[in-house]
Amino acid sequence: MRTAYSVETVRTAERALMARLPDGTLMQRAAAGLAAACAGLLGRVYGSRVVLLVGSGDNGGDALYAGARLARRGAGVTAVLLAGERTHPGGLAALRRAGGTVARPEAAEQLIDRADLVVDGIVGIGGKGGLRPAAAPLAERAARSAAAVVAVDLPSGVEADSGEVLGAAVRADLTVTFGTHKPGLLIDPARAYAGTVRLVDIGLGPELPAEPDLEALQHADVAALLPVPAAESDKYRRGVVGVAAGSARYPGAAVLAVSGALRGGAGAVRYVGPAGAAVIARFPETLVSDQGPRRAGRVQAWVVGPGAGDDAGTVAEVLEADVPVLLDADGLRLADVDAVRSRTAPTLMTPHAGEAAALLGVAREEVEAARLASVRELAARYRATVLLKGSTTLVAGPDGGPVRVNPTGTPWLATAGSGDVLSGLAGSLLAAGLSARDAGSVAAYLHGLAGRHAAHGAPIGAHDVADHIPGAWRDVRDAAGG
């Protein structure tokens, strides 16, 4: 599992570690990892042209010490000093001793145009509010150049704790981060500026608290959570999920939600709604009822809302059930806030950015720019687990704790009905006994893998995603040795 910690937590851990180490040890560890990553990107270090964009403080020091290491291997290294007298003195001296040179900011654009590699050491993880006017043109020039761009710890100009980008920022091909991931490296829009992220171990792990701010599941974590039938399992023990979805206008939403539920491992799916004929035609194993949720028969979880139109009565009836409930699409709009907040069984809400914006009473752009703050606020407001879909899918619980970040998403999932499949998949995991947080996280992970499998760089439909869920499931178990 990958974890990320806030700037304050990282700073506290660094201070504790530095108190036990000789002066400068931590920076040398960081610089060694940074130089190795740069050398790997260059391939041939000797004769290469490297430009360091150096700001004040330790971030610039890391870049200078790494530049000195590259210069000793034969690279032509030039440091552009953007902070004048506030440049890290030890790092600057080391670069000069290694044969590196220093240039004034006015020469930076010409140097960048000729460079093979540009190292962004402008602003550290404590930077706020985007790049300053003097640095912004250099970031833009680097992005347009043929040089590879490496960010030190975090691309300068992005917000480390939130993933927000509030102004001009460096766009890196590779970000070399130290000690632990920072939230902004895992959450869009900042994640898109980071490129490939490489974590360098500097010994910080023992100083970090057990509970991170963010966590991202990997194959082994997901495999450990997947419900696997035992020898004595039957369809009821594996979990029965109820799906209340679809309408005369949107029967396909019901079909897609049922498809996700069936492929998510549910022992049985009970469908309630006006699209029964369409569901049975595609999935004859579905148990169909037209008597409403209360009379549909026993279920271990409900999915309500996809394509439901204005059927507020069904949504209210499902929310009264004493089993886990997943609210999606129209169900989010129709659900009474107090009814959701007063539930004692788990509730999982799965809005996209537009739906989240409507629930929060803000513009969609605000949610997309501040995804972490938005998912946390929704979870607290509704006292529910919230899965915020989008370029970075986030899962937040009602009682705080680490926010889950899904690493498997793909833009090819931005297709009509894909969210309905996700709802059914997550509902089946709820019915199997997973917590709302785990069900949402595992469903998002498998959904992303299925989207990648289905697409292979080509357009897909939601039904293609559903069809590839079993393959994603197998991949996870095979990779984890299951």
Protein backbone atom coordinates (compact mmCIF):
# COMPACT_ATOMS: atom_id res chain seq x y z
CA MET A 1 0.00 0.00 0.00
CA ARG A 2 1.29 3.44 -0.88
CA THR A 3 0.79 6.09 1.78
CA ALA A 4 1.00 9.88 1.82
CA TYR A 5 1.45 12.31 4.68
CA SER A 6 0.84 16.02 5.13
CA VAL A 7 3.64 18.57 5.04
CA GLU A 8 3.36 19.19 8.78
CA THR A 9 3.70 15.47 9.52
CA VAL A 10 6.68 15.14 7.18
CA ARG A 11 8.40 18.14 8.72
CA THR A 12 7.93 16.73 12.23
CA ALA A 13 9.33 13.37 11.16
CA GLU A 14 12.31 15.01 9.46
CA ARG A 15 13.16 17.00 12.57
CA ALA A 16 13.05 13.87 14.73
CA LEU A 17 15.30 11.98 12.32
CA MET A 18 17.79 14.84 11.83
CA ALA A 19 18.22 15.14 15.60
CA ARG A 20 19.79 11.66 15.59
CA LEU A 21 21.93 12.02 12.46
CA PRO A 22 25.10 13.99 11.63
CA ASP A 23 24.37 17.40 10.17
CA GLY A 24 23.48 17.27 6.47
CA THR A 25 22.98 13.49 6.30
CA LEU A 26 19.33 13.70 5.27
CA MET A 27 20.04 16.12 2.44
CA GLN A 28 22.87 13.96 1.16
CA ARG A 29 20.58 10.91 1.13
CA ALA A 30 18.00 12.89 -0.84
CA ALA A 31 20.59 14.27 -3.25
CA ALA A 32 22.04 10.81 -3.89
CA GLY A 33 18.60 9.44 -4.77
CA LEU A 34 17.83 12.45 -6.94
CA ALA A 35 21.13 12.21 -8.82
CA ALA A 36 20.62 8.49 -9.46
CA ALA A 37 17.15 9.13 -10.85
CA CYS A 38 18.44 11.91 -13.09
CA ALA A 39 21.26 9.70 -14.35
CA GLY A 40 18.80 6.94 -15.13
CA LEU A 41 16.65 9.34 -17.12
CA LEU A 42 19.64 10.72 -19.03
CA GLY A 43 21.10 7.32 -19.81
CA ARG A 44 24.50 8.78 -20.69
CA VAL A 45 25.58 11.31 -18.06
CA TYR A 46 28.98 12.27 -19.50
CA GLY A 47 28.62 15.21 -21.85
CA SER A 48 24.96 15.83 -21.07
CA ARG A 49 23.70 19.34 -20.37
CA VAL A 50 21.85 19.83 -17.10
CA VAL A 51 20.15 23.00 -15.89
CA LEU A 52 19.21 23.40 -12.24
CA LEU A 53 16.43 25.88 -11.44
CA VAL A 54 17.34 26.67 -7.85
CA GLY A 55 15.19 28.43 -5.30
CA SER A 56 15.87 29.06 -1.64
CA GLY A 57 16.02 26.54 1.17
CA ASP A 58 16.52 22.80 1.32
CA ASN A 59 14.71 22.05 -1.94
CA GLY A 60 17.29 24.10 -3.82
CA GLY A 61 20.02 22.47 -1.74
CA ASP A 62 18.89 19.02 -2.83
CA ALA A 63 19.10 20.12 -6.47
CA LEU A 64 22.58 21.64 -6.02
CA TYR A 65 24.06 18.61 -4.27
CA ALA A 66 22.53 16.31 -6.91
CA GLY A 67 23.94 18.58 -9.61
CA ALA A 68 27.38 18.29 -8.04
CA ARG A 69 27.16 14.50 -8.25
CA LEU A 70 26.22 14.70 -11.94
CA ALA A 71 29.01 17.19 -12.63
CA ARG A 72 31.56 14.80 -11.11
CA ARG A 73 30.36 12.20 -13.64
CA GLY A 74 31.07 14.53 -16.55
CA ALA A 75 27.78 16.35 -17.05
CA GLY A 76 27.82 20.05 -17.84
CA VAL A 77 25.75 21.43 -14.97
CA THR A 78 24.57 25.02 -14.72
CA ALA A 79 22.59 26.36 -11.79
CA VAL A 80 20.20 29.24 -12.34
CA LEU A 81 19.87 30.95 -8.97
CA LEU A 82 16.38 32.37 -8.46
CA ALA A 83 16.79 33.27 -4.79
CA GLY A 84 20.05 35.21 -4.88
CA GLU A 85 21.74 35.32 -1.48
CA ARG A 86 19.18 32.90 -0.03
CA THR A 87 20.61 30.04 -2.11
CA HIS A 88 21.74 27.06 -0.01
CA PRO A 89 25.43 27.86 0.64
CA GLY A 90 26.67 24.30 1.15
CA GLY A 91 25.00 23.02 -2.00
CA LEU A 92 26.30 25.93 -4.06
CA ALA A 93 29.86 25.38 -2.84
CA ALA A 94 29.62 21.66 -3.63
CA LEU A 95 28.44 22.36 -7.17
CA ARG A 96 31.28 24.79 -7.82
CA ARG A 97 33.88 22.37 -6.42
CA ALA A 98 32.56 19.69 -8.80
CA GLY A 99 33.00 21.98 -11.80
CA GLY A 100 29.42 23.21 -12.11
CA THR A 101 28.70 26.78 -13.13
CA VAL A 102 26.22 29.46 -12.10
CA ALA A 103 24.09 31.64 -14.39
CA ARG A 104 21.87 34.62 -13.84
CA PRO A 105 18.08 34.22 -14.29
CA GLU A 106 18.16 36.27 -17.50
CA ALA A 107 20.14 33.50 -19.19
CA ALA A 108 17.82 30.72 -18.06
CA GLU A 109 15.58 30.47 -21.12
CA GLN A 110 18.49 30.08 -23.52
CA LEU A 111 20.08 27.46 -21.26
CA ILE A 112 16.82 25.52 -21.00
CA ASP A 113 16.49 25.43 -24.78
CA ARG A 114 19.87 23.66 -25.06
CA ALA A 115 19.47 21.37 -22.04
CA ASP A 116 19.03 17.62 -21.96
CA LEU A 117 17.66 17.75 -18.42
CA VAL A 118 16.05 20.47 -16.31
CA VAL A 119 15.89 19.97 -12.54
CA ASP A 120 13.10 21.83 -10.75
CA GLY A 121 14.40 22.89 -7.35
CA ILE A 122 12.45 26.14 -7.23
CA VAL A 123 9.99 25.63 -4.37
CA GLY A 124 9.75 22.96 -1.68
CA ILE A 125 6.72 21.18 -0.24
CA GLY A 126 5.85 24.21 1.86
CA GLY A 127 5.20 26.43 -1.18
CA LYS A 128 1.79 28.03 -1.55
CA GLY A 129 -0.15 29.73 -4.31
CA GLY A 130 1.63 28.82 -7.53
CA LEU A 131 4.94 30.02 -8.94
CA ARG A 132 6.09 33.58 -8.49
CA PRO A 133 6.23 35.78 -11.65
CA ALA A 134 9.99 35.36 -12.06
CA ALA A 135 9.78 31.57 -12.10
CA ALA A 136 6.57 31.02 -14.07
CA PRO A 137 8.10 31.74 -17.53
CA LEU A 138 10.92 29.29 -16.81
CA ALA A 139 8.45 26.52 -16.01
CA GLU A 140 6.61 27.22 -19.23
CA ARG A 141 9.88 27.26 -21.21
CA ALA A 142 10.93 23.94 -19.72
CA ALA A 143 7.58 22.38 -20.63
CA ARG A 144 8.00 23.50 -24.25
CA SER A 145 11.62 22.40 -24.51
CA ALA A 146 13.00 19.04 -25.57
CA ALA A 147 14.59 18.55 -22.15
CA ALA A 148 13.33 16.03 -19.62
CA VAL A 149 12.05 17.79 -16.50
CA VAL A 150 12.67 16.34 -13.04
CA ALA A 151 10.92 17.83 -10.01
CA VAL A 152 12.57 17.71 -6.59
CA ASP A 153 10.12 16.25 -4.04
CA LEU A 154 7.10 17.94 -5.66
CA PRO A 155 6.56 20.00 -8.82
CA SER A 156 7.00 23.63 -7.86
CA GLY A 157 3.74 25.54 -7.75
CA VAL A 158 1.38 22.69 -6.78
CA GLU A 159 -0.15 22.36 -3.31
CA ALA A 160 1.47 19.47 -1.46
CA ASP A 161 -1.38 18.79 0.98
CA SER A 162 -4.41 19.14 -1.25
CA GLY A 163 -3.44 18.44 -4.84
CA GLU A 164 -4.71 21.86 -5.88
CA VAL A 165 -2.96 23.97 -8.50
CA LEU A 166 -3.65 27.63 -7.76
CA GLY A 167 -1.40 29.23 -10.37
CA ALA A 168 1.51 28.50 -12.69
CA ALA A 169 3.34 25.25 -11.88
CA VAL A 170 6.12 23.06 -13.23
CA ARG A 171 5.07 20.11 -15.37
CA ALA A 172 7.52 17.30 -14.68
CA ASP A 173 8.28 14.11 -16.55
CA LEU A 174 9.58 12.60 -13.30
CA THR A 175 9.13 13.63 -9.69
CA VAL A 176 11.63 12.28 -7.17
CA THR A 177 10.05 12.51 -3.74
CA PHE A 178 11.74 11.78 -0.43
CA GLY A 179 10.70 9.72 2.57
CA THR A 180 7.03 9.38 1.72
CA HIS A 181 4.52 10.44 -0.89
CA LYS A 182 2.81 13.78 -0.43
CA PRO A 183 -0.96 13.97 -1.04
CA GLY A 184 -0.54 16.25 -4.05
CA LEU A 185 1.41 13.54 -5.86
CA LEU A 186 -1.60 11.21 -5.77
CA ILE A 187 -4.51 13.61 -6.38
CA ASP A 188 -5.47 15.53 -9.49
CA PRO A 189 -5.04 18.13 -10.74
CA ALA A 190 -1.56 18.19 -9.13
CA ARG A 191 -0.93 14.53 -9.95
CA ALA A 192 -1.01 15.36 -13.65
CA TYR A 193 1.92 17.76 -13.13
CA ALA A 194 4.10 15.16 -11.40
CA GLY A 195 4.65 12.71 -14.24
CA THR A 196 6.14 9.44 -13.04
CA VAL A 197 6.75 9.49 -9.29
CA ARG A 198 9.78 7.79 -7.72
CA LEU A 199 10.02 7.46 -3.95
CA VAL A 200 13.50 7.66 -2.41
CA ASP A 201 13.90 6.10 1.02
CA ILE A 202 15.80 8.46 3.33
CA GLY A 203 14.99 6.61 6.55
CA LEU A 204 11.87 8.57 7.43
CA GLY A 205 9.53 5.58 7.81
CA PRO A 206 10.03 4.88 11.56
CA GLU A 207 9.31 8.53 12.38
CA LEU A 208 5.98 8.65 10.56
CA PRO A 209 2.70 7.91 12.38
CA ALA A 210 0.90 4.63 11.73
CA GLU A 211 -2.11 6.36 10.17
CA PRO A 212 -1.40 8.31 6.97
CA ASP A 213 -3.47 11.09 5.46
CA LEU A 214 -3.94 9.19 2.21
CA GLU A 215 -3.47 5.61 1.12
CA ALA A 216 -3.58 3.89 -2.26
CA LEU A 217 -4.31 0.19 -2.47
CA GLN A 218 -2.14 -2.11 -4.57
CA HIS A 219 -2.80 -5.60 -5.95
CA ALA A 220 -1.90 -7.41 -2.74
CA ASP A 221 -4.14 -5.16 -0.64
CA VAL A 222 -7.09 -5.67 -2.97
CA ALA A 223 -6.52 -9.41 -3.19
CA ALA A 224 -6.66 -9.64 0.60
CA LEU A 225 -10.08 -7.96 0.61
CA LEU A 226 -11.71 -9.86 -2.27
CA PRO A 227 -14.55 -12.12 -1.11
CA VAL A 228 -13.76 -15.68 -2.20
CA PRO A 229 -16.39 -18.42 -1.80
CA ALA A 230 -15.59 -21.33 0.52
CA ALA A 231 -16.54 -24.95 0.01
CA GLU A 232 -19.77 -24.54 1.98
CA SER A 233 -20.84 -21.32 0.26
CA ASP A 234 -24.16 -21.03 -1.50
CA LYS A 235 -25.73 -18.13 -3.34
CA TYR A 236 -27.17 -16.65 -0.16
CA ARG A 237 -23.95 -16.91 1.85
CA ARG A 238 -22.07 -15.18 -0.97
CA GLY A 239 -24.38 -12.18 -0.62
CA VAL A 240 -27.61 -11.07 -2.23
CA VAL A 241 -27.64 -7.51 -3.54
CA GLY A 242 -30.79 -5.59 -4.37
CA VAL A 243 -30.74 -3.19 -7.31
CA ALA A 244 -33.43 -0.49 -7.47
CA ALA A 245 -32.58 1.31 -10.68
CA GLY A 246 -33.76 2.22 -14.13
CA SER A 247 -36.91 3.80 -15.45
CA ALA A 248 -38.96 3.84 -18.63
CA ARG A 249 -36.58 6.47 -19.97
CA TYR A 250 -33.37 4.82 -18.73
CA PRO A 251 -33.80 1.03 -18.72
CA GLY A 252 -30.16 0.58 -19.67
CA ALA A 253 -29.02 1.94 -16.30
CA ALA A 254 -30.72 -1.00 -14.62
CA VAL A 255 -29.12 -3.50 -16.99
CA LEU A 256 -25.66 -2.05 -16.43
CA ALA A 257 -25.99 -1.87 -12.65
CA VAL A 258 -27.12 -5.50 -12.58
CA SER A 259 -24.19 -6.47 -14.82
CA GLY A 260 -21.74 -4.90 -12.38
CA ALA A 261 -23.39 -6.64 -9.45
CA LEU A 262 -23.31 -10.07 -11.10
CA ARG A 263 -19.67 -9.73 -12.10
CA GLY A 264 -18.77 -8.43 -8.66
CA GLY A 265 -19.24 -11.81 -7.06
CA ALA A 266 -22.79 -11.51 -5.74
CA GLY A 267 -24.47 -14.88 -5.10
CA ALA A 268 -27.73 -13.44 -6.40
CA VAL A 269 -29.14 -10.14 -7.61
CA ARG A 270 -32.69 -9.00 -6.89
CA TYR A 271 -33.90 -6.33 -9.26
CA VAL A 272 -36.73 -3.93 -8.40
CA GLY A 273 -38.03 -1.41 -10.90
CA PRO A 274 -39.76 -0.84 -14.24
CA ALA A 275 -36.94 -2.26 -16.37
CA GLY A 276 -37.45 -5.90 -15.39
CA ALA A 277 -38.03 -7.11 -18.93
CA ALA A 278 -34.80 -5.54 -20.16
CA VAL A 279 -32.86 -6.97 -17.22
CA ILE A 280 -34.24 -10.51 -17.66
CA ALA A 281 -33.57 -10.41 -21.39
CA ARG A 282 -29.89 -9.77 -20.74
CA PHE A 283 -29.44 -11.58 -17.42
CA PRO A 284 -32.03 -14.33 -16.92
CA GLU A 285 -30.48 -15.34 -13.58
CA THR A 286 -31.69 -12.07 -12.00
CA LEU A 287 -34.54 -12.28 -9.46
CA VAL A 288 -37.03 -9.65 -10.61
CA SER A 289 -39.78 -8.05 -8.54
CA ASP A 290 -42.28 -5.31 -9.23
CA GLN A 291 -43.48 -5.05 -5.61
CA GLY A 292 -41.02 -2.44 -4.39
CA PRO A 293 -37.92 -2.83 -2.20
CA ARG A 294 -39.79 -3.87 0.98
CA ARG A 295 -41.37 -6.88 -0.75
CA ALA A 296 -38.47 -7.88 -2.96
CA GLY A 297 -37.10 -10.44 -0.53
CA ARG A 298 -34.08 -10.54 1.69
CA VAL A 299 -30.92 -8.75 0.58
CA GLN A 300 -27.61 -7.97 2.29
CA ALA A 301 -27.21 -4.61 0.53
CA TRP A 302 -29.07 -2.24 -1.78
CA VAL A 303 -28.00 -0.20 -4.78
CA VAL A 304 -30.43 2.59 -5.55
CA GLY A 305 -30.54 5.48 -7.98
CA PRO A 306 -28.95 4.73 -11.38
CA GLY A 307 -31.41 5.93 -14.02
CA ALA A 308 -34.20 6.18 -11.42
CA GLY A 309 -35.60 9.44 -12.74
CA ASP A 310 -37.85 11.05 -10.12
CA ASP A 311 -38.77 7.96 -8.12
CA ALA A 312 -38.17 9.51 -4.69
CA GLY A 313 -40.42 6.94 -3.01
CA THR A 314 -38.18 4.02 -3.89
CA VAL A 315 -35.10 5.90 -2.71
CA ALA A 316 -36.77 6.70 0.62
CA GLU A 317 -37.89 3.08 1.03
CA VAL A 318 -34.38 1.75 0.44
CA LEU A 319 -32.89 4.20 2.91
CA GLU A 320 -35.18 2.77 5.59
CA ALA A 321 -33.66 -0.70 5.16
CA ASP A 322 -31.31 -1.86 7.90
CA VAL A 323 -28.63 -3.04 5.46
CA PRO A 324 -25.79 -1.22 3.67
CA VAL A 325 -27.05 1.09 0.93
CA LEU A 326 -25.25 2.52 -2.09
CA LEU A 327 -26.64 5.81 -3.41
CA ASP A 328 -25.79 6.80 -6.96
CA ALA A 329 -26.97 9.13 -9.72
CA ASP A 330 -30.61 10.14 -9.26
CA GLY A 331 -30.56 8.53 -5.83
CA LEU A 332 -28.11 11.19 -4.67
CA ARG A 333 -30.41 13.96 -5.81
CA LEU A 334 -33.56 12.38 -4.38
CA ALA A 335 -32.18 11.26 -1.01
CA ASP A 336 -33.18 13.28 2.03
CA VAL A 337 -30.08 14.51 3.86
CA ASP A 338 -31.51 13.79 7.30
CA ALA A 339 -32.59 10.30 6.22
CA VAL A 340 -29.04 9.54 5.16
CA ARG A 341 -27.49 11.06 8.28
CA SER A 342 -29.78 9.13 10.61
CA ARG A 343 -29.06 5.69 9.13
CA THR A 344 -27.37 3.18 11.42
CA ALA A 345 -26.32 0.78 8.64
CA PRO A 346 -23.47 1.89 6.34
CA THR A 347 -24.17 4.22 3.43
CA LEU A 348 -21.90 4.57 0.40
CA MET A 349 -22.46 7.56 -1.89
CA THR A 350 -20.85 7.57 -5.35
CA PRO A 351 -21.14 11.03 -6.96
CA HIS A 352 -19.15 12.38 -9.85
CA ALA A 353 -17.89 15.97 -9.65
CA GLY A 354 -21.10 17.51 -10.99
CA GLU A 355 -23.29 15.61 -8.55
CA ALA A 356 -20.95 16.40 -5.67
CA ALA A 357 -21.08 20.08 -6.60
CA ALA A 358 -24.87 20.03 -6.52
CA LEU A 359 -24.88 18.35 -3.11
CA LEU A 360 -22.39 20.88 -1.75
CA GLY A 361 -24.02 23.88 -3.41
CA VAL A 362 -20.85 24.93 -5.29
CA ALA A 363 -19.67 25.03 -8.90
CA ARG A 364 -18.37 21.83 -10.49
CA GLU A 365 -15.04 23.55 -11.09
CA GLU A 366 -14.59 24.03 -7.36
CA VAL A 367 -14.96 20.31 -6.73
CA GLU A 368 -12.58 19.38 -9.52
CA ALA A 369 -9.97 21.86 -8.27
CA ALA A 370 -10.25 20.74 -4.63
CA ARG A 371 -11.16 17.06 -4.77
CA LEU A 372 -9.72 16.11 -1.38
CA ALA A 373 -11.49 18.88 0.52
CA SER A 374 -14.74 18.15 -1.34
CA VAL A 375 -14.87 14.42 -0.59
CA ARG A 376 -14.07 15.03 3.07
CA GLU A 377 -16.76 17.67 3.36
CA LEU A 378 -19.40 15.47 1.74
CA ALA A 379 -18.57 12.54 4.00
CA ALA A 380 -18.86 14.72 7.09
CA ARG A 381 -22.04 16.45 5.94
CA TYR A 382 -23.91 13.21 5.14
CA ARG A 383 -22.25 11.01 7.79
CA ALA A 384 -21.63 8.54 5.01
CA THR A 385 -18.74 7.03 3.10
CA VAL A 386 -18.28 8.97 -0.14
CA LEU A 387 -16.65 7.72 -3.33
CA LEU A 388 -15.94 10.77 -5.47
CA LYS A 389 -15.53 9.60 -9.06
CA GLY A 390 -13.29 11.35 -11.56
CA SER A 391 -9.73 11.65 -12.79
CA THR A 392 -8.68 10.69 -9.29
CA THR A 393 -11.31 8.61 -7.51
CA LEU A 394 -11.27 9.24 -3.76
CA VAL A 395 -13.02 7.38 -0.94
CA ALA A 396 -13.56 9.15 2.39
CA GLY A 397 -15.26 7.84 5.51
CA PRO A 398 -17.64 9.73 7.80
CA ASP A 399 -15.32 9.53 10.80
CA GLY A 400 -12.16 10.85 9.19
CA GLY A 401 -9.17 8.57 8.82
CA PRO A 402 -7.08 8.07 5.69
CA VAL A 403 -8.71 8.93 2.39
CA ARG A 404 -8.30 6.16 -0.18
CA VAL A 405 -6.94 7.14 -3.59
CA ASN A 406 -7.58 4.84 -6.52
CA PRO A 407 -4.50 4.38 -8.74
CA THR A 408 -6.07 2.38 -11.59
CA GLY A 409 -8.34 4.90 -13.27
CA THR A 410 -8.25 5.58 -16.99
CA PRO A 411 -9.88 8.35 -19.08
CA TRP A 412 -11.51 5.62 -21.20
CA LEU A 413 -13.95 5.08 -18.32
CA ALA A 414 -15.51 8.45 -19.11
CA THR A 415 -18.35 6.82 -21.00
CA ALA A 416 -22.11 6.73 -20.40
CA GLY A 417 -23.16 3.98 -18.02
CA SER A 418 -19.71 3.26 -16.62
CA GLY A 419 -20.79 4.65 -13.25
CA ASP A 420 -23.81 2.33 -13.22
CA VAL A 421 -21.48 -0.66 -13.58
CA LEU A 422 -19.35 0.66 -10.73
CA SER A 423 -22.41 0.99 -8.51
CA GLY A 424 -23.46 -2.59 -9.08
CA LEU A 425 -19.93 -3.84 -8.51
CA ALA A 426 -19.59 -1.92 -5.24
CA GLY A 427 -23.06 -3.04 -4.15
CA SER A 428 -22.12 -6.69 -4.59
CA LEU A 429 -19.04 -6.18 -2.41
CA LEU A 430 -21.18 -4.53 0.26
CA ALA A 431 -23.50 -7.54 0.16
CA ALA A 432 -20.51 -9.84 0.57
CA GLY A 433 -19.70 -8.13 3.85
CA LEU A 434 -17.02 -5.57 2.99
CA SER A 435 -17.17 -2.26 4.79
CA ALA A 436 -18.35 0.73 2.78
CA ARG A 437 -14.78 2.05 2.62
CA ASP A 438 -13.35 -1.26 1.43
CA ALA A 439 -16.23 -1.95 -0.96
CA GLY A 440 -15.83 1.44 -2.59
CA SER A 441 -12.05 1.19 -2.79
CA VAL A 442 -11.96 -2.35 -4.17
CA ALA A 443 -14.74 -1.62 -6.66
CA ALA A 444 -12.94 1.48 -7.95
CA TYR A 445 -9.70 -0.50 -8.28
CA LEU A 446 -11.28 -3.38 -10.23
CA HIS A 447 -13.38 -0.96 -12.30
CA GLY A 448 -10.24 0.91 -13.33
CA LEU A 449 -8.40 -2.27 -14.26
CA ALA A 450 -11.41 -3.49 -16.23
CA GLY A 451 -11.51 -0.20 -18.11
CA ARG A 452 -7.85 -0.49 -19.02
CA HIS A 453 -8.32 -4.09 -20.19
CA ALA A 454 -11.37 -3.22 -22.25
CA ALA A 455 -9.92 -0.14 -23.87
CA HIS A 456 -6.31 -0.85 -24.83
CA GLY A 457 -6.29 2.69 -26.17
CA ALA A 458 -9.56 2.38 -28.10
CA PRO A 459 -13.12 3.59 -27.41
CA ILE A 460 -15.27 1.35 -25.23
CA GLY A 461 -18.78 1.21 -23.85
CA ALA A 462 -19.90 0.54 -20.30
CA HIS A 463 -20.86 -3.04 -21.16
CA ASP A 464 -17.25 -3.66 -22.21
CA VAL A 465 -16.08 -2.52 -18.78
CA ALA A 466 -18.50 -4.91 -17.06
CA ASP A 467 -17.36 -7.80 -19.22
CA HIS A 468 -13.74 -7.27 -18.15
CA ILE A 469 -14.34 -7.18 -14.38
CA PRO A 470 -13.69 -10.94 -13.99
CA GLY A 471 -10.37 -10.52 -15.81
CA ALA A 472 -9.40 -7.67 -13.49
CA TRP A 473 -10.33 -9.84 -10.52
CA ARG A 474 -8.09 -12.64 -11.82
CA ASP A 475 -5.20 -10.25 -12.43
CA VAL A 476 -5.31 -9.03 -8.86
CA ARG A 477 -5.40 -12.53 -7.39
CA ASP A 478 -2.70 -13.85 -9.74
CA ALA A 479 -0.37 -10.94 -8.99
CA ALA A 480 -0.82 -11.50 -5.28
CA GLY A 481 -0.23 -15.25 -5.63
CA GLY A 482 -3.88 -16.13 -4.95
